[in-house]
N, C-alpha and C. Protein backbone atom coordinates (compact mmCIF):
# COMPACT_ATOMS: atom_id res chain seq x y z
N UNK A 1 28.79 84.91 -1.08
CA UNK A 1 28.65 85.30 -2.47
C UNK A 1 29.16 86.72 -2.63
N UNK A 2 29.74 86.97 -3.75
CA UNK A 2 30.23 88.32 -4.04
C UNK A 2 29.08 89.15 -4.60
N UNK A 3 29.31 90.44 -4.69
CA UNK A 3 28.29 91.33 -5.27
C UNK A 3 27.99 90.90 -6.70
N UNK A 4 29.02 90.56 -7.44
CA UNK A 4 28.83 90.13 -8.83
C UNK A 4 27.93 88.90 -8.90
N UNK A 5 28.16 87.94 -8.02
CA UNK A 5 27.32 86.73 -8.01
C UNK A 5 25.89 87.05 -7.61
N UNK A 6 25.72 87.94 -6.64
CA UNK A 6 24.38 88.33 -6.22
C UNK A 6 23.63 89.05 -7.34
N UNK A 7 24.33 89.93 -8.04
CA UNK A 7 23.68 90.65 -9.15
C UNK A 7 23.27 89.68 -10.26
N UNK A 8 24.10 88.70 -10.53
CA UNK A 8 23.76 87.70 -11.55
C UNK A 8 22.54 86.88 -11.09
N UNK A 9 22.54 86.48 -9.83
CA UNK A 9 21.41 85.71 -9.30
C UNK A 9 20.12 86.52 -9.39
N UNK A 10 20.21 87.81 -9.10
CA UNK A 10 19.03 88.68 -9.17
C UNK A 10 18.52 88.80 -10.60
N UNK A 11 19.46 88.96 -11.53
CA UNK A 11 19.07 89.08 -12.94
C UNK A 11 18.39 87.80 -13.44
N UNK A 12 18.94 86.65 -13.08
CA UNK A 12 18.35 85.39 -13.51
C UNK A 12 16.99 85.14 -12.86
N UNK A 13 16.86 85.50 -11.60
CA UNK A 13 15.57 85.34 -10.92
C UNK A 13 14.52 86.25 -11.55
N UNK A 14 14.94 87.43 -11.97
CA UNK A 14 14.01 88.34 -12.62
C UNK A 14 13.51 87.78 -13.95
N UNK A 15 14.40 87.18 -14.70
CA UNK A 15 14.01 86.56 -15.97
C UNK A 15 13.05 85.40 -15.71
N UNK A 16 13.40 84.56 -14.72
CA UNK A 16 12.51 83.43 -14.39
C UNK A 16 11.15 83.90 -13.92
N UNK A 17 11.10 85.01 -13.18
CA UNK A 17 9.83 85.54 -12.70
C UNK A 17 8.96 85.98 -13.87
N UNK A 18 9.57 86.62 -14.86
CA UNK A 18 8.81 87.06 -16.03
C UNK A 18 8.29 85.89 -16.84
N UNK A 19 9.02 84.78 -16.84
CA UNK A 19 8.63 83.62 -17.64
C UNK A 19 7.82 82.60 -16.84
N UNK A 20 7.55 82.87 -15.57
CA UNK A 20 6.85 81.91 -14.71
C UNK A 20 5.47 81.60 -15.26
N UNK A 21 5.13 80.32 -15.21
CA UNK A 21 3.84 79.90 -15.75
C UNK A 21 2.73 79.88 -14.70
N UNK A 22 3.08 80.00 -13.42
CA UNK A 22 2.05 80.03 -12.37
C UNK A 22 2.30 81.22 -11.46
N UNK A 23 1.26 81.74 -10.86
CA UNK A 23 1.44 82.86 -9.92
C UNK A 23 2.33 82.47 -8.73
N UNK A 24 2.22 81.22 -8.27
CA UNK A 24 3.03 80.78 -7.13
C UNK A 24 4.52 80.81 -7.48
N UNK A 25 4.87 80.33 -8.66
CA UNK A 25 6.27 80.33 -9.09
C UNK A 25 6.79 81.76 -9.22
N UNK A 26 5.96 82.64 -9.76
CA UNK A 26 6.33 84.06 -9.89
C UNK A 26 6.58 84.66 -8.51
N UNK A 27 5.73 84.34 -7.56
CA UNK A 27 5.86 84.85 -6.20
C UNK A 27 7.17 84.35 -5.55
N UNK A 28 7.51 83.10 -5.79
CA UNK A 28 8.76 82.54 -5.25
C UNK A 28 9.96 83.29 -5.81
N UNK A 29 9.94 83.56 -7.11
CA UNK A 29 11.06 84.28 -7.73
C UNK A 29 11.16 85.71 -7.19
N UNK A 30 10.03 86.37 -6.99
CA UNK A 30 10.07 87.73 -6.45
C UNK A 30 10.55 87.73 -5.01
N UNK A 31 10.22 86.69 -4.24
CA UNK A 31 10.75 86.57 -2.88
C UNK A 31 12.27 86.43 -2.91
N UNK A 32 12.78 85.65 -3.85
CA UNK A 32 14.21 85.49 -4.00
C UNK A 32 14.87 86.82 -4.37
N UNK A 33 14.26 87.55 -5.28
CA UNK A 33 14.78 88.86 -5.68
C UNK A 33 14.84 89.79 -4.47
N UNK A 34 13.82 89.75 -3.66
CA UNK A 34 13.77 90.58 -2.46
C UNK A 34 14.90 90.21 -1.49
N UNK A 35 15.13 88.93 -1.29
CA UNK A 35 16.19 88.48 -0.40
C UNK A 35 17.56 88.90 -0.93
N UNK A 36 17.75 88.79 -2.22
CA UNK A 36 19.02 89.20 -2.83
C UNK A 36 19.22 90.71 -2.65
N UNK A 37 18.17 91.48 -2.86
CA UNK A 37 18.26 92.93 -2.71
C UNK A 37 18.65 93.31 -1.29
N UNK A 38 18.09 92.63 -0.30
CA UNK A 38 18.44 92.91 1.09
C UNK A 38 19.92 92.62 1.35
N UNK A 39 20.40 91.51 0.82
CA UNK A 39 21.81 91.15 1.00
C UNK A 39 22.71 92.20 0.33
N UNK A 40 22.35 92.63 -0.87
CA UNK A 40 23.14 93.65 -1.57
C UNK A 40 23.16 94.96 -0.78
N UNK A 41 22.02 95.36 -0.23
CA UNK A 41 21.97 96.59 0.56
C UNK A 41 22.87 96.50 1.79
N UNK A 42 22.86 95.34 2.46
CA UNK A 42 23.73 95.16 3.63
C UNK A 42 25.19 95.29 3.24
N UNK A 43 25.56 94.68 2.13
CA UNK A 43 26.95 94.75 1.68
C UNK A 43 27.33 96.18 1.34
N UNK A 44 26.47 96.87 0.64
CA UNK A 44 26.77 98.24 0.20
C UNK A 44 26.83 99.22 1.35
N UNK A 45 26.10 98.96 2.44
CA UNK A 45 26.08 99.87 3.58
C UNK A 45 27.31 99.73 4.46
N UNK A 46 28.02 98.64 4.32
CA UNK A 46 29.22 98.45 5.14
C UNK A 46 30.24 99.55 4.84
N UNK A 47 30.90 99.99 5.87
CA UNK A 47 31.90 101.06 5.70
C UNK A 47 33.09 100.60 4.87
N UNK A 48 33.58 99.39 5.15
CA UNK A 48 34.74 98.93 4.38
C UNK A 48 34.27 97.93 3.32
N UNK A 49 34.91 97.94 2.19
CA UNK A 49 34.51 97.09 1.06
C UNK A 49 34.97 95.65 1.22
N UNK A 50 35.68 95.33 2.27
CA UNK A 50 36.18 93.97 2.43
C UNK A 50 35.05 92.96 2.57
N UNK A 51 33.90 93.36 3.04
CA UNK A 51 32.77 92.45 3.20
C UNK A 51 32.15 92.04 1.88
N UNK A 52 32.42 92.76 0.82
CA UNK A 52 31.81 92.45 -0.47
C UNK A 52 32.26 91.12 -1.02
N UNK A 53 33.45 90.68 -0.68
CA UNK A 53 33.95 89.42 -1.21
C UNK A 53 33.73 88.24 -0.29
N UNK A 54 33.12 88.47 0.86
CA UNK A 54 32.91 87.37 1.80
C UNK A 54 31.91 86.37 1.24
N UNK A 55 32.16 85.10 1.42
CA UNK A 55 31.20 84.11 0.96
C UNK A 55 29.96 84.13 1.84
N UNK A 56 28.86 83.76 1.27
CA UNK A 56 27.62 83.67 2.02
C UNK A 56 27.68 82.47 2.95
N UNK A 57 26.78 82.44 3.92
CA UNK A 57 26.70 81.26 4.76
C UNK A 57 26.17 80.11 3.91
N UNK A 58 26.28 78.91 4.42
CA UNK A 58 25.82 77.75 3.65
C UNK A 58 24.33 77.87 3.34
N UNK A 59 23.54 78.35 4.30
CA UNK A 59 22.10 78.50 4.07
C UNK A 59 21.83 79.52 2.96
N UNK A 60 22.57 80.64 2.98
CA UNK A 60 22.39 81.64 1.93
C UNK A 60 22.82 81.10 0.58
N UNK A 61 23.92 80.37 0.57
CA UNK A 61 24.40 79.81 -0.69
C UNK A 61 23.37 78.87 -1.29
N UNK A 62 22.73 78.06 -0.45
CA UNK A 62 21.70 77.14 -0.95
C UNK A 62 20.49 77.91 -1.49
N UNK A 63 20.12 78.97 -0.81
CA UNK A 63 18.96 79.75 -1.24
C UNK A 63 19.20 80.42 -2.60
N UNK A 64 20.43 80.91 -2.80
CA UNK A 64 20.74 81.61 -4.03
C UNK A 64 21.28 80.69 -5.11
N UNK A 65 21.34 79.41 -4.83
CA UNK A 65 21.88 78.45 -5.80
C UNK A 65 21.08 78.52 -7.09
N UNK A 66 21.77 78.65 -8.18
CA UNK A 66 21.12 78.75 -9.48
C UNK A 66 21.14 77.41 -10.16
N UNK A 67 19.97 76.99 -10.65
CA UNK A 67 19.93 75.71 -11.33
C UNK A 67 19.52 75.86 -12.75
């Protein structure tokens, strides 16, 4: 995923967290936001910007999949 895609996923997860009807659902969304933030930090810490456009692994792509 690109930085742009990660930022969009984070924004949507934040909206879903605010609208969550159960504490468990809210917690799941905040966990997703945390995972996205970690990925963004890793990308931003890289010395060269070439890593920003790399696709995520299949597992990461599934986790960040927006429905």
